Amino acid sequence: MQPVYKALTVAENKPVYELDPAQRVVALTIDDGPDPRYTPTVLALLQQYGIRATFFLIGENAVEHPALVRDIADRGHHIANHTWTHPDLRHLSESQVRDELERTSDLLLRTTGRLPTWFRAPGGDWSEVSLKVTADLGLRNMSWSVDPRDWARPGTSVIIDRILKDVRPGSIVLNHDGGGDRSQTVAAMKTYLPALIDSGYFFTAPPN
């Protein structure tokens, strides 16, 4: 299956940091998976609360767990590109960046039948080179506006407090289900997801 990439305008290629602030919506984004320890629990929680999320998958994890990738897609979540090996793109040549992104998009297409349309640079560290490559590959760039730094495992209550304090209408929330021990993130989700729903927020995955 030869992918056909959609050409992006300059405006479409700029990283997106938030959704429409006029609407009481939140986009939940989940990075660095899939991980067989934590992704299934995250998926069960999202199903429990009727939430669609965007999963930014790392190629070398996705190739190890194709059934989990398909499960994420089959449940209606967005599958997005988070590079093959999670490098700092600012230090890579154009051909290296292209390889990281193209390999991942091709794998996700083969695994799910859908070409990803969103990309997130590891660490949020885009470069002129990576933005050129994403435009070539039809990938829009998604950043975030709420970062509880859950990857650093600051404690479940800290993750909850940071998210509930910082979420606004249109927020894009960053969480992780891969890259290490994510039990604090999962525990935090069990509290902050229903709390946000109770306070009138709706969850959305940004449009393809």
Protein backbone atom coordinates (compact mmCIF):
# COMPACT_ATOMS: atom_id res chain seq x y z
CA MET A 1 0.00 0.00 0.00
CA GLN A 2 1.69 3.17 -1.21
CA PRO A 3 0.70 6.14 0.99
CA VAL A 4 -0.62 9.28 -0.65
CA TYR A 5 0.34 12.34 1.37
CA LYS A 6 -1.91 15.38 1.59
CA ALA A 7 -0.21 18.69 0.83
CA LEU A 8 -0.36 21.12 3.75
CA THR A 9 -0.60 24.89 3.68
CA VAL A 10 1.84 27.01 5.71
CA ALA A 11 -0.91 27.69 8.24
CA GLU A 12 -1.75 23.99 8.58
CA ASN A 13 1.91 23.20 9.19
CA LYS A 14 2.25 25.42 12.28
CA PRO A 15 2.19 23.52 15.61
CA VAL A 16 -1.23 23.64 17.27
CA TYR A 17 -1.10 24.52 20.99
CA GLU A 18 -4.79 24.69 21.79
CA LEU A 19 -8.25 24.13 20.37
CA ASP A 20 -11.09 26.64 20.17
CA PRO A 21 -11.08 28.48 23.54
CA ALA A 22 -14.72 29.44 22.96
CA GLN A 23 -15.75 25.83 23.51
CA ARG A 24 -15.54 23.87 26.75
CA VAL A 25 -13.51 21.10 25.16
CA VAL A 26 -10.28 19.37 26.11
CA ALA A 27 -8.06 17.23 23.90
CA LEU A 28 -6.35 14.41 25.78
CA THR A 29 -3.08 13.34 24.14
CA ILE A 30 -1.09 10.31 25.26
CA ASP A 31 2.56 9.87 24.27
CA ASP A 32 5.31 7.27 24.00
CA GLY A 33 3.28 4.05 23.77
CA PRO A 34 1.98 1.63 23.11
CA ASP A 35 3.01 -0.12 26.33
CA PRO A 36 1.50 -3.49 27.27
CA ARG A 37 1.57 -2.58 30.98
CA TYR A 38 -0.32 0.72 30.88
CA THR A 39 -2.02 1.25 27.51
CA PRO A 40 -4.77 -1.37 28.12
CA THR A 41 -5.70 0.28 31.43
CA VAL A 42 -5.76 3.71 29.80
CA LEU A 43 -7.99 2.36 27.03
CA ALA A 44 -10.39 0.85 29.58
CA LEU A 45 -10.60 4.18 31.43
CA LEU A 46 -11.28 6.11 28.24
CA GLN A 47 -14.00 3.64 27.32
CA GLN A 48 -15.52 3.93 30.79
CA TYR A 49 -15.88 7.71 30.39
CA GLY A 50 -16.66 7.76 26.67
CA ILE A 51 -13.52 9.73 25.82
CA ARG A 52 -11.73 9.83 22.47
CA ALA A 53 -8.04 10.60 22.75
CA THR A 54 -5.02 10.99 20.48
CA PHE A 55 -2.20 8.48 20.96
CA PHE A 56 1.22 9.63 19.75
CA LEU A 57 2.94 6.32 19.14
CA ILE A 58 6.66 5.59 18.88
CA GLY A 59 7.43 3.36 15.90
CA GLU A 60 9.77 0.97 17.69
CA ASN A 61 7.08 0.37 20.35
CA ALA A 62 4.30 0.05 17.79
CA VAL A 63 6.18 -2.57 15.77
CA GLU A 64 6.54 -4.69 18.93
CA HIS A 65 2.84 -4.46 19.86
CA PRO A 66 0.76 -4.35 16.65
CA ALA A 67 -2.34 -5.83 18.32
CA LEU A 68 -2.31 -2.98 20.84
CA VAL A 69 -2.00 -0.42 18.03
CA ARG A 70 -5.02 -1.96 16.31
CA ASP A 71 -6.95 -1.98 19.58
CA ILE A 72 -6.35 1.76 20.03
CA ALA A 73 -7.56 2.43 16.48
CA ASP A 74 -10.52 0.03 16.70
CA ARG A 75 -11.78 1.88 19.79
CA GLY A 76 -12.03 5.09 17.76
CA HIS A 77 -8.97 6.93 19.04
CA HIS A 78 -6.62 8.86 16.80
CA ILE A 79 -3.34 7.17 16.00
CA ALA A 80 -0.58 9.75 15.58
CA ASN A 81 3.13 9.78 14.74
CA HIS A 82 5.74 10.38 17.47
CA THR A 83 8.86 9.31 15.48
CA TRP A 84 10.47 5.88 15.35
CA THR A 85 13.05 6.18 18.17
CA HIS A 86 12.04 9.41 20.05
CA PRO A 87 15.16 11.45 19.15
CA ASP A 88 15.74 15.19 19.52
CA LEU A 89 14.87 16.26 15.98
CA ARG A 90 16.89 19.46 16.28
CA HIS A 91 20.09 17.44 15.91
CA LEU A 92 19.07 15.33 12.91
CA SER A 93 19.57 15.88 9.19
CA GLU A 94 16.58 16.13 6.86
CA SER A 95 17.06 12.55 5.65
CA GLN A 96 17.25 11.28 9.25
CA VAL A 97 14.08 13.15 10.23
CA ARG A 98 12.32 11.87 7.13
CA ASP A 99 13.31 8.29 7.97
CA GLU A 100 12.04 8.65 11.57
CA LEU A 101 8.65 9.98 10.44
CA GLU A 102 8.14 8.03 7.23
CA ARG A 103 8.93 4.65 8.82
CA THR A 104 6.45 5.36 11.60
CA SER A 105 3.66 6.58 9.32
CA ASP A 106 4.16 3.60 7.00
CA LEU A 107 4.04 1.14 9.91
CA LEU A 108 0.89 2.71 11.35
CA LEU A 109 -0.76 2.62 7.93
CA ARG A 110 0.11 -1.06 7.48
CA THR A 111 -1.06 -1.90 11.00
CA THR A 112 -4.36 0.03 11.09
CA GLY A 113 -5.16 0.77 7.44
CA ARG A 114 -5.13 4.50 8.22
CA LEU A 115 -2.38 7.00 7.53
CA PRO A 116 -1.71 9.23 10.55
CA THR A 117 -2.41 12.91 10.02
CA TRP A 118 -0.91 14.34 13.23
CA PHE A 119 2.68 14.43 14.49
CA ARG A 120 4.29 15.49 17.74
CA ALA A 121 8.00 16.20 18.02
CA PRO A 122 9.63 14.48 21.03
CA GLY A 123 9.88 17.04 23.81
CA GLY A 124 7.94 19.50 21.65
CA ASP A 125 11.27 20.30 19.98
CA TRP A 126 10.42 21.11 16.37
CA SER A 127 12.97 22.43 13.91
CA GLU A 128 12.79 24.07 10.49
CA VAL A 129 13.89 20.76 9.01
CA SER A 130 11.23 18.73 10.84
CA LEU A 131 8.50 21.20 9.86
CA LYS A 132 9.54 20.86 6.21
CA VAL A 133 9.39 17.07 6.46
CA THR A 134 5.99 17.07 8.17
CA ALA A 135 4.62 19.33 5.41
CA ASP A 136 5.96 16.90 2.80
CA LEU A 137 4.38 13.94 4.58
CA GLY A 138 1.00 15.58 5.18
CA LEU A 139 1.43 15.58 8.95
CA ARG A 140 -0.01 18.41 11.03
CA ASN A 141 1.93 19.29 14.18
CA MET A 142 0.31 19.13 17.61
CA SER A 143 1.88 20.57 20.72
CA TRP A 144 0.11 21.03 24.09
CA SER A 145 -0.99 23.70 26.56
CA VAL A 146 -1.19 21.62 29.77
CA ASP A 147 1.88 19.62 30.83
CA PRO A 148 1.71 18.02 34.28
CA ARG A 149 5.22 16.61 33.72
CA ASP A 150 3.84 13.17 34.51
CA TRP A 151 6.87 11.56 32.82
CA ALA A 152 8.96 12.74 35.80
CA ARG A 153 6.64 10.83 38.22
CA PRO A 154 6.07 13.79 40.59
CA GLY A 155 3.31 11.90 42.44
CA THR A 156 -0.28 11.11 41.53
CA SER A 157 -1.74 14.02 43.49
CA VAL A 158 0.71 16.47 41.86
CA ILE A 159 -0.32 15.32 38.37
CA ILE A 160 -4.00 15.71 39.28
CA ASP A 161 -3.50 19.15 40.81
CA ARG A 162 -1.47 20.48 37.88
CA ILE A 163 -4.05 19.37 35.32
CA LEU A 164 -7.11 20.58 37.22
CA LYS A 165 -5.40 23.92 37.91
CA ASP A 166 -4.21 24.53 34.34
CA VAL A 167 -7.04 23.19 32.16
CA ARG A 168 -9.00 25.86 30.28
CA PRO A 169 -11.53 25.59 27.45
CA GLY A 170 -9.58 24.44 24.39
CA SER A 171 -6.69 22.91 26.35
CA ILE A 172 -4.53 20.15 24.89
CA VAL A 173 -3.37 17.95 27.79
CA LEU A 174 -0.14 15.95 27.62
CA ASN A 175 0.09 12.54 29.35
CA HIS A 176 2.26 9.45 28.84
CA ASP A 177 1.43 5.74 28.73
CA GLY A 178 4.93 4.62 27.69
CA GLY A 179 8.58 5.32 28.41
CA GLY A 180 8.72 3.92 31.94
CA ASP A 181 6.59 3.46 35.03
CA ARG A 182 3.32 5.24 34.25
CA SER A 183 1.29 3.98 37.22
CA GLN A 184 1.04 7.53 38.62
CA THR A 185 -0.38 8.79 35.32
CA VAL A 186 -2.98 6.01 35.21
CA ALA A 187 -3.95 6.65 38.85
CA ALA A 188 -4.24 10.39 38.17
CA MET A 189 -6.50 9.80 35.17
CA LYS A 190 -8.92 7.86 37.36
CA THR A 191 -9.46 11.06 39.36
CA TYR A 192 -9.04 13.97 36.96
CA LEU A 193 -11.05 12.58 34.02
CA PRO A 194 -14.36 12.33 35.95
CA ALA A 195 -13.56 15.62 37.71
CA LEU A 196 -13.26 17.45 34.38
CA ILE A 197 -16.41 15.80 33.05
CA ASP A 198 -18.29 16.78 36.21
CA SER A 199 -17.18 20.40 35.73
CA GLY A 200 -18.70 20.46 32.24
CA TYR A 201 -15.80 19.65 29.95
CA PHE A 202 -16.14 17.54 26.82
CA PHE A 203 -13.25 15.56 25.42
CA THR A 204 -12.42 15.58 21.75
CA ALA A 205 -9.73 14.36 19.38
CA PRO A 206 -8.68 17.19 17.04
CA PRO A 207 -10.08 16.69 13.54
CA ASN A 208 -8.17 14.62 11.02
